[in-house]
N, C-alpha and C. Protein backbone atom coordinates (compact mmCIF):
# COMPACT_ATOMS: atom_id res chain seq x y z
N MET A 1 0.86 -1.18 0.05
CA MET A 1 -0.04 0.05 0.02
C MET A 1 0.84 1.27 0.01
N MET A 2 0.56 2.24 -0.77
CA MET A 2 1.49 3.36 -1.02
C MET A 2 0.70 4.41 -0.07
N GLN A 3 1.52 5.16 0.49
CA GLN A 3 1.11 6.25 1.54
C GLN A 3 1.41 7.68 0.76
N THR A 4 0.64 8.63 1.01
CA THR A 4 0.88 9.90 0.54
C THR A 4 0.91 11.03 1.60
N ASP A 5 1.53 12.15 1.37
CA ASP A 5 1.45 13.23 2.26
C ASP A 5 0.04 13.56 2.48
N VAL A 6 -0.34 13.90 3.78
CA VAL A 6 -1.65 14.70 3.91
C VAL A 6 -1.46 16.10 3.89
N LYS A 7 -2.39 16.76 3.33
CA LYS A 7 -2.33 18.19 3.00
C LYS A 7 -3.78 18.78 3.60
N GLY A 8 -3.91 20.06 3.89
CA GLY A 8 -5.14 20.67 4.18
C GLY A 8 -5.55 21.76 3.63
N ALA A 9 -6.75 22.21 3.43
CA ALA A 9 -7.33 23.06 2.76
C ALA A 9 -8.38 23.95 3.49
N THR A 10 -8.20 25.21 3.70
CA THR A 10 -9.20 25.96 4.48
C THR A 10 -10.36 26.31 3.65
N CYS A 11 -11.49 25.93 3.90
CA CYS A 11 -12.82 26.33 3.19
C CYS A 11 -13.59 27.27 3.96
N ALA A 12 -13.99 28.17 3.38
CA ALA A 12 -14.75 29.52 4.19
C ALA A 12 -15.95 29.07 4.23
N ALA A 13 -16.86 29.77 5.23
CA ALA A 13 -18.06 29.61 5.37
C ALA A 13 -18.96 30.33 4.03
N ASN A 14 -20.03 29.71 3.83
CA ASN A 14 -21.01 30.26 2.81
C ASN A 14 -20.51 30.29 1.35
N GLY A 15 -19.83 29.21 1.10
CA GLY A 15 -19.30 29.10 -0.39
C GLY A 15 -18.60 27.88 -0.61
N SER A 16 -18.25 27.64 -2.07
CA SER A 16 -17.44 26.42 -2.40
C SER A 16 -16.08 26.72 -2.48
N THR A 17 -15.26 25.69 -2.05
CA THR A 17 -13.77 25.79 -2.19
C THR A 17 -13.39 24.63 -2.91
N THR A 18 -12.46 24.74 -3.92
CA THR A 18 -11.83 23.62 -4.72
C THR A 18 -10.68 23.29 -3.80
N ALA A 19 -10.63 22.38 -2.87
CA ALA A 19 -9.57 22.01 -1.99
C ALA A 19 -8.43 21.39 -2.85
N PHE A 20 -8.65 20.70 -3.89
CA PHE A 20 -7.59 20.12 -4.70
C PHE A 20 -8.12 19.81 -6.09
N ASP A 21 -7.47 20.24 -7.09
CA ASP A 21 -7.85 20.21 -8.44
C ASP A 21 -7.18 18.79 -9.01
N GLY A 22 -7.73 17.53 -9.00
CA GLY A 22 -7.19 16.48 -9.48
C GLY A 22 -7.75 15.33 -8.59
N ARG A 23 -7.24 14.17 -9.02
CA ARG A 23 -7.63 12.89 -8.30
C ARG A 23 -6.83 12.88 -6.77
N THR A 24 -7.67 12.52 -5.86
CA THR A 24 -7.06 12.52 -4.37
C THR A 24 -8.10 11.82 -3.56
N ARG A 25 -7.82 11.74 -2.25
CA ARG A 25 -8.70 11.11 -1.30
C ARG A 25 -8.95 12.03 -0.11
N LEU A 26 -10.09 12.34 0.15
CA LEU A 26 -10.59 12.99 1.48
C LEU A 26 -10.26 12.15 2.52
N LYS A 27 -9.26 12.46 3.51
CA LYS A 27 -9.05 11.84 4.65
C LYS A 27 -9.72 12.22 5.84
N GLY A 28 -9.92 13.38 5.99
CA GLY A 28 -10.68 13.88 7.20
C GLY A 28 -11.27 15.19 7.04
N LEU A 29 -12.33 15.92 8.03
CA LEU A 29 -12.64 17.04 7.84
C LEU A 29 -12.91 17.64 9.07
N TRP A 30 -12.40 18.81 9.52
CA TRP A 30 -12.53 19.44 10.74
C TRP A 30 -13.50 20.76 10.47
N TYR A 31 -14.46 20.97 11.44
CA TYR A 31 -15.28 22.09 11.11
C TYR A 31 -15.46 22.89 12.47
N SER A 32 -16.07 24.09 12.28
CA SER A 32 -16.49 24.81 13.29
C SER A 32 -17.66 25.62 12.85
N ALA A 33 -18.77 25.45 13.60
CA ALA A 33 -20.04 25.92 13.15
C ALA A 33 -20.47 26.87 14.29
N THR A 34 -21.11 27.91 13.95
CA THR A 34 -21.82 28.84 14.87
C THR A 34 -23.40 28.61 14.89
N GLY A 35 -23.93 27.63 14.20
CA GLY A 35 -25.18 27.37 14.35
C GLY A 35 -25.59 26.09 13.26
N ALA A 36 -26.80 25.73 13.15
CA ALA A 36 -27.19 24.52 12.18
C ALA A 36 -26.58 25.05 10.72
N SER A 37 -26.21 23.90 10.10
CA SER A 37 -25.65 24.22 8.89
C SER A 37 -25.41 22.76 8.12
N THR A 38 -24.70 22.87 6.96
CA THR A 38 -24.40 21.53 6.37
C THR A 38 -22.95 21.85 5.58
N ILE A 39 -22.29 20.69 5.24
CA ILE A 39 -21.10 20.76 4.55
C ILE A 39 -21.31 19.60 3.39
N ALA A 40 -21.33 19.90 2.14
CA ALA A 40 -21.37 19.02 1.06
C ALA A 40 -19.95 18.80 0.47
N VAL A 41 -19.52 17.42 0.27
CA VAL A 41 -18.52 17.00 -0.21
C VAL A 41 -18.53 16.58 -1.61
N LYS A 42 -17.96 17.14 -2.49
CA LYS A 42 -18.23 16.86 -3.98
C LYS A 42 -17.13 16.46 -4.79
N ASP A 43 -17.24 15.67 -5.92
CA ASP A 43 -16.33 15.39 -6.71
C ASP A 43 -16.66 16.22 -8.03
N ASN A 44 -15.96 17.41 -8.12
CA ASN A 44 -16.42 18.43 -9.10
C ASN A 44 -17.82 18.87 -8.77
N ALA A 45 -18.77 18.65 -9.53
CA ALA A 45 -20.30 18.97 -9.36
C ALA A 45 -21.03 17.87 -8.68
N THR A 46 -20.50 16.57 -8.61
CA THR A 46 -21.26 15.60 -8.15
C THR A 46 -21.06 15.53 -6.59
N THR A 47 -22.20 15.48 -5.85
CA THR A 47 -22.36 15.58 -4.44
C THR A 47 -21.96 14.04 -4.00
N LEU A 48 -20.89 13.91 -3.12
CA LEU A 48 -20.67 12.49 -2.74
C LEU A 48 -21.34 12.12 -1.43
N PHE A 49 -21.37 13.24 -0.51
CA PHE A 49 -22.20 13.12 0.73
C PHE A 49 -22.26 14.54 1.48
N THR A 50 -23.30 14.68 2.09
CA THR A 50 -23.51 15.82 2.90
C THR A 50 -23.60 15.62 4.35
N LEU A 51 -22.77 16.34 5.08
CA LEU A 51 -22.86 16.40 6.54
C LEU A 51 -23.61 17.36 7.09
N THR A 52 -24.54 16.95 7.86
CA THR A 52 -25.56 17.89 8.64
C THR A 52 -25.22 18.19 10.05
N ILE A 53 -24.96 19.50 10.32
CA ILE A 53 -24.67 19.91 11.64
C ILE A 53 -25.81 20.47 12.25
N GLY A 54 -26.10 20.05 13.47
CA GLY A 54 -27.28 20.52 14.08
C GLY A 54 -27.34 21.72 14.96
N ALA A 55 -26.36 22.24 15.37
CA ALA A 55 -26.04 23.19 16.34
C ALA A 55 -24.55 23.80 16.19
N ALA A 56 -24.38 24.83 17.14
CA ALA A 56 -22.94 25.29 17.18
C ALA A 56 -22.23 24.42 17.79
N GLU A 57 -21.01 24.05 17.24
CA GLU A 57 -20.07 22.96 17.69
C GLU A 57 -18.83 22.96 16.69
N SER A 58 -17.62 22.46 17.21
CA SER A 58 -16.60 22.19 16.51
C SER A 58 -16.39 20.78 16.56
N ASN A 59 -15.97 20.11 15.56
CA ASN A 59 -15.56 18.56 15.45
C ASN A 59 -14.68 18.24 14.46
N TYR A 60 -14.23 17.00 14.54
CA TYR A 60 -13.29 16.45 13.59
C TYR A 60 -14.01 15.27 13.21
N VAL A 61 -14.01 15.04 11.66
CA VAL A 61 -14.60 13.74 11.16
C VAL A 61 -13.49 12.91 10.48
N LEU A 62 -13.18 11.84 11.04
CA LEU A 62 -12.18 11.01 10.29
C LEU A 62 -12.84 9.87 9.56
N LEU A 63 -12.47 9.86 8.29
CA LEU A 63 -13.13 9.17 7.43
C LEU A 63 -12.44 7.51 7.33
N PRO A 64 -13.23 6.53 7.39
CA PRO A 64 -12.55 5.31 7.49
C PRO A 64 -11.83 4.74 6.36
N GLY A 65 -10.95 3.76 6.49
CA GLY A 65 -10.26 3.06 5.40
C GLY A 65 -9.07 4.22 4.74
N GLU A 66 -9.39 4.10 3.44
CA GLU A 66 -8.46 5.05 2.71
C GLU A 66 -9.06 6.34 2.44
N GLY A 67 -10.20 6.62 3.07
CA GLY A 67 -10.97 7.93 2.82
C GLY A 67 -11.77 7.84 1.67
N VAL A 68 -12.44 8.83 1.14
CA VAL A 68 -13.11 9.14 0.03
C VAL A 68 -12.50 9.40 -1.21
N LEU A 69 -12.55 8.62 -2.19
CA LEU A 69 -11.77 8.83 -3.51
C LEU A 69 -12.61 9.82 -4.25
N VAL A 70 -11.99 10.76 -4.88
CA VAL A 70 -12.46 11.79 -5.73
C VAL A 70 -11.63 11.72 -7.00
N GLN A 71 -12.32 11.62 -8.01
CA GLN A 71 -11.67 11.30 -9.24
C GLN A 71 -11.32 12.76 -9.99
N THR A 72 -12.14 13.66 -9.86
CA THR A 72 -11.90 15.10 -10.76
C THR A 72 -11.21 16.03 -9.86
N SER A 73 -12.04 16.59 -8.93
CA SER A 73 -11.56 17.60 -8.07
C SER A 73 -12.34 17.58 -6.64
N LEU A 74 -11.58 18.01 -5.62
CA LEU A 74 -12.22 17.84 -4.33
C LEU A 74 -12.78 19.19 -4.13
N VAL A 75 -14.13 19.28 -4.14
CA VAL A 75 -14.86 20.58 -3.65
C VAL A 75 -15.71 20.47 -2.40
N ILE A 76 -15.44 21.42 -1.56
CA ILE A 76 -16.21 21.41 -0.30
C ILE A 76 -17.11 22.83 -0.33
N THR A 77 -18.58 22.54 -0.18
CA THR A 77 -19.32 23.61 -0.05
C THR A 77 -20.03 23.77 1.28
N ASN A 78 -19.63 24.85 2.01
CA ASN A 78 -20.13 25.00 3.35
C ASN A 78 -21.32 25.97 3.36
N GLY A 79 -22.16 25.68 4.20
CA GLY A 79 -23.23 26.44 4.60
C GLY A 79 -22.89 27.93 5.19
N SER A 80 -23.81 28.73 5.48
CA SER A 80 -23.34 30.03 5.98
C SER A 80 -22.83 30.00 7.41
N ALA A 81 -23.13 28.97 8.16
CA ALA A 81 -22.70 28.97 9.47
C ALA A 81 -21.62 28.14 9.85
N VAL A 82 -20.95 27.53 8.85
CA VAL A 82 -19.85 26.67 9.17
C VAL A 82 -18.67 26.88 8.27
N ALA A 83 -17.60 26.78 8.73
CA ALA A 83 -16.18 26.89 8.12
C ALA A 83 -15.54 25.61 8.40
N SER A 84 -14.67 25.06 7.55
CA SER A 84 -13.96 23.74 7.60
C SER A 84 -12.58 23.73 7.06
N VAL A 85 -11.95 22.75 7.34
CA VAL A 85 -10.56 22.36 6.79
C VAL A 85 -10.65 20.99 6.28
N ALA A 86 -10.46 20.71 4.97
CA ALA A 86 -10.57 19.46 4.45
C ALA A 86 -8.97 18.87 4.46
N PHE A 87 -8.80 17.58 4.89
CA PHE A 87 -7.47 17.10 5.00
C PHE A 87 -7.64 15.92 3.72
N TYR A 88 -6.68 16.12 2.89
CA TYR A 88 -6.71 15.20 1.62
C TYR A 88 -5.23 14.54 1.42
N GLY A 89 -5.05 13.61 0.57
CA GLY A 89 -3.80 13.12 0.20
C GLY A 89 -4.06 11.80 -0.58
């Protein structure tokens, strides 16, 4: 099994951020929310999954195994009440 360096991309609230342009794996996601919101993880324009946040909180989501494979580009779309850091590699 080949290991890669893990990098992080800051993703601002209320918008979409291309965390990485190319094939990669999302390994984890840290977020800080001031209220109820959502984070959509996308492969370019295709939503892979949406994380729903119910209230003000900060948390780290570790993805199992090798993470989530993104073929085209890793895009994180944050709601208005949440900012995040996507860890990929």
